[in-house]
Amino acid sequence: MANLNIKLVKSLNGRLQKQIATANSMGLRKIGDTTVQPDNEQTRGKIAKIGYLLQVEEAN
């Protein structure tokens, strides 16, 4: 199964509480934080909610 490198590139300041909670559930707390998540339907759903705050790349 493939993995995704996910990096928070925009601030969470001023965002809705749901968006902050989604980022926190992925392990992203501040700008520049990076996490590796499995490429599955649940992760894709989270990315869809806050994708404009993230940089997503396929992990090797």
PDB file of N, CA and C in Angstrom:
ATOM      1  N   MET A   1       0.844  -1.182   0.000  1.00  0.00           N
ATOM      2  CA  MET A   1       0.000   0.000   0.000  1.00  0.00           C
ATOM      3  C   MET A   1       0.886   1.240   0.000  1.00  0.00           C
ATOM      4  N   ALA A   2       0.480   2.222  -0.757  1.00  0.00           N
ATOM      5  CA  ALA A   2       1.252   3.451  -0.875  1.00  0.00           C
ATOM      6  C   ALA A   2       1.014   4.362   0.327  1.00  0.00           C
ATOM      7  N   ASN A   3       1.957   5.237   0.556  1.00  0.00           N
ATOM      8  CA  ASN A   3       1.853   6.234   1.614  1.00  0.00           C
ATOM      9  C   ASN A   3       1.928   7.624   1.013  1.00  0.00           C
ATOM     10  N   LEU A   4       1.456   8.608   1.775  1.00  0.00           N
ATOM     11  CA  LEU A   4       1.490  10.001   1.349  1.00  0.00           C
ATOM     12  C   LEU A   4       2.288  10.815   2.354  1.00  0.00           C
ATOM     13  N   ASN A   5       3.174  11.689   1.852  1.00  0.00           N
ATOM     14  CA  ASN A   5       3.832  12.683   2.691  1.00  0.00           C
ATOM     15  C   ASN A   5       2.936  13.913   2.688  1.00  0.00           C
ATOM     16  N   ILE A   6       2.535  14.344   3.854  1.00  0.00           N
ATOM     17  CA  ILE A   6       1.634  15.485   3.972  1.00  0.00           C
ATOM     18  C   ILE A   6       2.309  16.556   4.817  1.00  0.00           C
ATOM     19  N   LYS A   7       2.365  17.779   4.274  1.00  0.00           N
ATOM     20  CA  LYS A   7       3.029  18.887   4.952  1.00  0.00           C
ATOM     21  C   LYS A   7       2.066  20.053   5.081  1.00  0.00           C
ATOM     22  N   LEU A   8       1.996  20.654   6.268  1.00  0.00           N
ATOM     23  CA  LEU A   8       1.162  21.828   6.500  1.00  0.00           C
ATOM     24  C   LEU A   8       1.928  23.060   6.018  1.00  0.00           C
ATOM     25  N   VAL A   9       1.375  23.768   5.017  1.00  0.00           N
ATOM     26  CA  VAL A   9       2.083  24.905   4.429  1.00  0.00           C
ATOM     27  C   VAL A   9       1.412  26.247   4.714  1.00  0.00           C
ATOM     28  N   LYS A  10       0.185  26.231   5.232  1.00  0.00           N
ATOM     29  CA  LYS A  10      -0.499  27.469   5.603  1.00  0.00           C
ATOM     30  C   LYS A  10      -0.930  27.377   7.054  1.00  0.00           C
ATOM     31  N   SER A  11      -1.027  28.518   7.699  1.00  0.00           N
ATOM     32  CA  SER A  11      -1.350  28.593   9.116  1.00  0.00           C
ATOM     33  C   SER A  11      -2.775  28.138   9.416  1.00  0.00           C
ATOM     34  N   LEU A  12      -2.980  27.646  10.630  1.00  0.00           N
ATOM     35  CA  LEU A  12      -4.302  27.267  11.104  1.00  0.00           C
ATOM     36  C   LEU A  12      -4.999  28.420  11.825  1.00  0.00           C
ATOM     37  N   ASN A  13      -4.309  29.540  11.984  1.00  0.00           N
ATOM     38  CA  ASN A  13      -4.914  30.710  12.644  1.00  0.00           C
ATOM     39  C   ASN A  13      -6.120  31.196  11.862  1.00  0.00           C
ATOM     40  N   GLY A  14      -7.213  31.426  12.556  1.00  0.00           N
ATOM     41  CA  GLY A  14      -8.413  31.945  11.929  1.00  0.00           C
ATOM     42  C   GLY A  14      -9.252  30.917  11.210  1.00  0.00           C
ATOM     43  N   ARG A  15      -8.871  29.656  11.266  1.00  0.00           N
ATOM     44  CA  ARG A  15      -9.632  28.593  10.590  1.00  0.00           C
ATOM     45  C   ARG A  15     -10.759  28.117  11.495  1.00  0.00           C
ATOM     46  N   LEU A  16     -11.724  27.454  10.915  1.00  0.00           N
ATOM     47  CA  LEU A  16     -12.811  26.872  11.686  1.00  0.00           C
ATOM     48  C   LEU A  16     -12.273  25.766  12.596  1.00  0.00           C
ATOM     49  N   GLN A  17     -12.963  25.557  13.714  1.00  0.00           N
ATOM     50  CA  GLN A  17     -12.514  24.549  14.684  1.00  0.00           C
ATOM     51  C   GLN A  17     -12.473  23.157  14.062  1.00  0.00           C
ATOM     52  N   LYS A  18     -13.403  22.846  13.151  1.00  0.00           N
ATOM     53  CA  LYS A  18     -13.408  21.545  12.473  1.00  0.00           C
ATOM     54  C   LYS A  18     -12.142  21.359  11.641  1.00  0.00           C
ATOM     55  N   GLN A  19     -11.692  22.428  10.979  1.00  0.00           N
ATOM     56  CA  GLN A  19     -10.493  22.340  10.143  1.00  0.00           C
ATOM     57  C   GLN A  19      -9.252  22.145  11.007  1.00  0.00           C
ATOM     58  N   ILE A  20      -9.197  22.840  12.139  1.00  0.00           N
ATOM     59  CA  ILE A  20      -8.063  22.680  13.057  1.00  0.00           C
ATOM     60  C   ILE A  20      -8.046  21.259  13.602  1.00  0.00           C
ATOM     61  N   ALA A  21      -9.209  20.725  13.956  1.00  0.00           N
ATOM     62  CA  ALA A  21      -9.295  19.367  14.480  1.00  0.00           C
ATOM     63  C   ALA A  21      -8.857  18.339  13.441  1.00  0.00           C
ATOM     64  N   THR A  22      -9.208  18.562  12.190  1.00  0.00           N
ATOM     65  CA  THR A  22      -8.808  17.657  11.114  1.00  0.00           C
ATOM     66  C   THR A  22      -7.288  17.656  10.964  1.00  0.00           C
ATOM     67  N   ALA A  23      -6.678  18.830  10.964  1.00  0.00           N
ATOM     68  CA  ALA A  23      -5.214  18.922  10.862  1.00  0.00           C
ATOM     69  C   ALA A  23      -4.548  18.248  12.062  1.00  0.00           C
ATOM     70  N   ASN A  24      -5.072  18.492  13.255  1.00  0.00           N
ATOM     71  CA  ASN A  24      -4.500  17.883  14.459  1.00  0.00           C
ATOM     72  C   ASN A  24      -4.620  16.367  14.436  1.00  0.00           C
ATOM     73  N   SER A  25      -5.711  15.844  13.892  1.00  0.00           N
ATOM     74  CA  SER A  25      -5.888  14.394  13.827  1.00  0.00           C
ATOM     75  C   SER A  25      -4.877  13.738  12.889  1.00  0.00           C
ATOM     76  N   MET A  26      -4.345  14.536  11.970  1.00  0.00           N
ATOM     77  CA  MET A  26      -3.315  14.032  11.064  1.00  0.00           C
ATOM     78  C   MET A  26      -1.913  14.251  11.632  1.00  0.00           C
ATOM     79  N   GLY A  27      -1.822  14.860  12.803  1.00  0.00           N
ATOM     80  CA  GLY A  27      -0.530  15.101  13.430  1.00  0.00           C
ATOM     81  C   GLY A  27       0.120  16.397  12.991  1.00  0.00           C
ATOM     82  N   LEU A  28      -0.648  17.307  12.409  1.00  0.00           N
ATOM     83  CA  LEU A  28      -0.133  18.582  11.922  1.00  0.00           C
ATOM     84  C   LEU A  28      -0.549  19.686  12.874  1.00  0.00           C
ATOM     85  N   ARG A  29       0.410  20.353  13.503  1.00  0.00           N
ATOM     86  CA  ARG A  29       0.087  21.350  14.508  1.00  0.00           C
ATOM     87  C   ARG A  29       0.564  22.751  14.113  1.00  0.00           C
ATOM     88  N   LYS A  30       1.693  22.843  13.411  1.00  0.00           N
ATOM     89  CA  LYS A  30       2.209  24.152  13.021  1.00  0.00           C
ATOM     90  C   LYS A  30       2.787  24.076  11.614  1.00  0.00           C
ATOM     91  N   ILE A  31       3.009  25.229  11.012  1.00  0.00           N
ATOM     92  CA  ILE A  31       3.526  25.292   9.645  1.00  0.00           C
ATOM     93  C   ILE A  31       4.846  24.537   9.565  1.00  0.00           C
ATOM     94  N   GLY A  32       4.979  23.711   8.550  1.00  0.00           N
ATOM     95  CA  GLY A  32       6.200  22.951   8.336  1.00  0.00           C
ATOM     96  C   GLY A  32       6.142  21.536   8.886  1.00  0.00           C
ATOM     97  N   ASP A  33       5.139  21.217   9.702  1.00  0.00           N
ATOM     98  CA  ASP A  33       5.001  19.853  10.216  1.00  0.00           C
ATOM     99  C   ASP A  33       4.713  18.906   9.063  1.00  0.00           C
ATOM    100  N   THR A  34       5.346  17.751   9.105  1.00  0.00           N
ATOM    101  CA  THR A  34       5.193  16.743   8.063  1.00  0.00           C
ATOM    102  C   THR A  34       4.817  15.418   8.693  1.00  0.00           C
ATOM    103  N   THR A  35       3.954  14.682   8.020  1.00  0.00           N
ATOM    104  CA  THR A  35       3.553  13.369   8.492  1.00  0.00           C
ATOM    105  C   THR A  35       3.419  12.423   7.301  1.00  0.00           C
ATOM    106  N   VAL A  36       3.547  11.140   7.570  1.00  0.00           N
ATOM    107  CA  VAL A  36       3.338  10.115   6.553  1.00  0.00           C
ATOM    108  C   VAL A  36       2.053   9.381   6.915  1.00  0.00           C
ATOM    109  N   GLN A  37       1.101   9.374   5.991  1.00  0.00           N
ATOM    110  CA  GLN A  37      -0.197   8.750   6.212  1.00  0.00           C
ATOM    111  C   GLN A  37      -0.434   7.717   5.114  1.00  0.00           C
ATOM    112  N   PRO A  38      -1.183   6.653   5.420  1.00  0.00           N
ATOM    113  CA  PRO A  38      -1.520   5.670   4.381  1.00  0.00           C
ATOM    114  C   PRO A  38      -2.451   6.296   3.345  1.00  0.00           C
ATOM    115  N   ASP A  39      -2.304   5.875   2.112  1.00  0.00           N
ATOM    116  CA  ASP A  39      -3.143   6.390   1.028  1.00  0.00           C
ATOM    117  C   ASP A  39      -4.428   5.558   0.981  1.00  0.00           C
ATOM    118  N   ASN A  40      -5.409   5.967   1.784  1.00  0.00           N
ATOM    119  CA  ASN A  40      -6.685   5.263   1.800  1.00  0.00           C
ATOM    120  C   ASN A  40      -7.824   6.277   1.763  1.00  0.00           C
ATOM    121  N   GLU A  41      -9.035   5.762   1.790  1.00  0.00           N
ATOM    122  CA  GLU A  41     -10.211   6.621   1.643  1.00  0.00           C
ATOM    123  C   GLU A  41     -10.359   7.611   2.802  1.00  0.00           C
ATOM    124  N   GLN A  42     -10.035   7.182   4.004  1.00  0.00           N
ATOM    125  CA  GLN A  42     -10.153   8.058   5.172  1.00  0.00           C
ATOM    126  C   GLN A  42      -9.179   9.233   5.071  1.00  0.00           C
ATOM    127  N   THR A  43      -7.941   8.955   4.709  1.00  0.00           N
ATOM    128  CA  THR A  43      -6.944  10.017   4.574  1.00  0.00           C
ATOM    129  C   THR A  43      -7.314  10.963   3.436  1.00  0.00           C
ATOM    130  N   ARG A  44      -7.784  10.418   2.325  1.00  0.00           N
ATOM    131  CA  ARG A  44      -8.194  11.259   1.185  1.00  0.00           C
ATOM    132  C   ARG A  44      -9.352  12.176   1.568  1.00  0.00           C
ATOM    133  N   GLY A  45     -10.251  11.704   2.421  1.00  0.00           N
ATOM    134  CA  GLY A  45     -11.354  12.532   2.891  1.00  0.00           C
ATOM    135  C   GLY A  45     -10.874  13.702   3.721  1.00  0.00           C
ATOM    136  N   LYS A  46      -9.887  13.457   4.579  1.00  0.00           N
ATOM    137  CA  LYS A  46      -9.321  14.527   5.402  1.00  0.00           C
ATOM    138  C   LYS A  46      -8.604  15.552   4.521  1.00  0.00           C
ATOM    139  N   ILE A  47      -7.875  15.063   3.528  1.00  0.00           N
ATOM    140  CA  ILE A  47      -7.166  15.964   2.619  1.00  0.00           C
ATOM    141  C   ILE A  47      -8.165  16.831   1.852  1.00  0.00           C
ATOM    142  N   ALA A  48      -9.301  16.259   1.477  1.00  0.00           N
ATOM    143  CA  ALA A  48     -10.313  17.013   0.732  1.00  0.00           C
ATOM    144  C   ALA A  48     -10.860  18.174   1.557  1.00  0.00           C
ATOM    145  N   LYS A  49     -10.938  18.006   2.878  1.00  0.00           N
ATOM    146  CA  LYS A  49     -11.490  19.049   3.738  1.00  0.00           C
ATOM    147  C   LYS A  49     -10.547  20.235   3.904  1.00  0.00           C
ATOM    148  N   ILE A  50      -9.232  19.971   3.972  1.00  0.00           N
ATOM    149  CA  ILE A  50      -8.280  21.058   4.230  1.00  0.00           C
ATOM    150  C   ILE A  50      -7.135  21.050   3.229  1.00  0.00           C
ATOM    151  N   GLY A  51      -7.400  20.588   2.027  1.00  0.00           N
ATOM    152  CA  GLY A  51      -6.359  20.442   1.013  1.00  0.00           C
ATOM    153  C   GLY A  51      -5.644  21.727   0.652  1.00  0.00           C
ATOM    154  N   TYR A  52      -6.329  22.869   0.761  1.00  0.00           N
ATOM    155  CA  TYR A  52      -5.710  24.145   0.409  1.00  0.00           C
ATOM    156  C   TYR A  52      -4.670  24.583   1.439  1.00  0.00           C
ATOM    157  N   LEU A  53      -4.601  23.904   2.578  1.00  0.00           N
ATOM    158  CA  LEU A  53      -3.603  24.204   3.602  1.00  0.00           C
ATOM    159  C   LEU A  53      -2.400  23.268   3.519  1.00  0.00           C
ATOM    160  N   LEU A  54      -2.471  22.252   2.661  1.00  0.00           N
ATOM    161  CA  LEU A  54      -1.496  21.176   2.649  1.00  0.00           C
ATOM    162  C   LEU A  54      -0.724  21.082   1.348  1.00  0.00           C
ATOM    163  N   GLN A  55       0.429  20.401   1.470  1.00  0.00           N
ATOM    164  CA  GLN A  55       1.192  19.984   0.302  1.00  0.00           C
ATOM    165  C   GLN A  55       1.274  18.461   0.411  1.00  0.00           C
ATOM    166  N   VAL A  56       0.787  17.768  -0.605  1.00  0.00           N
ATOM    167  CA  VAL A  56       0.697  16.310  -0.567  1.00  0.00           C
ATOM    168  C   VAL A  56       1.575  15.728  -1.662  1.00  0.00           C
ATOM    169  N   GLU A  57       2.406  14.750  -1.283  1.00  0.00           N
ATOM    170  CA  GLU A  57       3.252  14.042  -2.242  1.00  0.00           C
ATOM    171  C   GLU A  57       3.195  12.565  -1.942  1.00  0.00           C
ATOM    172  N   GLU A  58       3.403  11.746  -2.956  1.00  0.00           N
ATOM    173  CA  GLU A  58       3.445  10.301  -2.763  1.00  0.00           C
ATOM    174  C   GLU A  58       4.802   9.929  -2.163  1.00  0.00           C
ATOM    175  N   ALA A  59       4.779   9.134  -1.100  1.00  0.00           N
ATOM    176  CA  ALA A  59       6.011   8.700  -0.440  1.00  0.00           C
ATOM    177  C   ALA A  59       6.583   7.487  -1.162  1.00  0.00           C
ATOM    178  N   ASN A  60       7.881   7.360  -1.120  1.00  0.00           N
ATOM    179  CA  ASN A  60       8.552   6.216  -1.751  1.00  0.00           C
ATOM    180  C   ASN A  60       8.886   5.175  -0.732  1.00  0.00           C
TER     181      ASN A  60
END
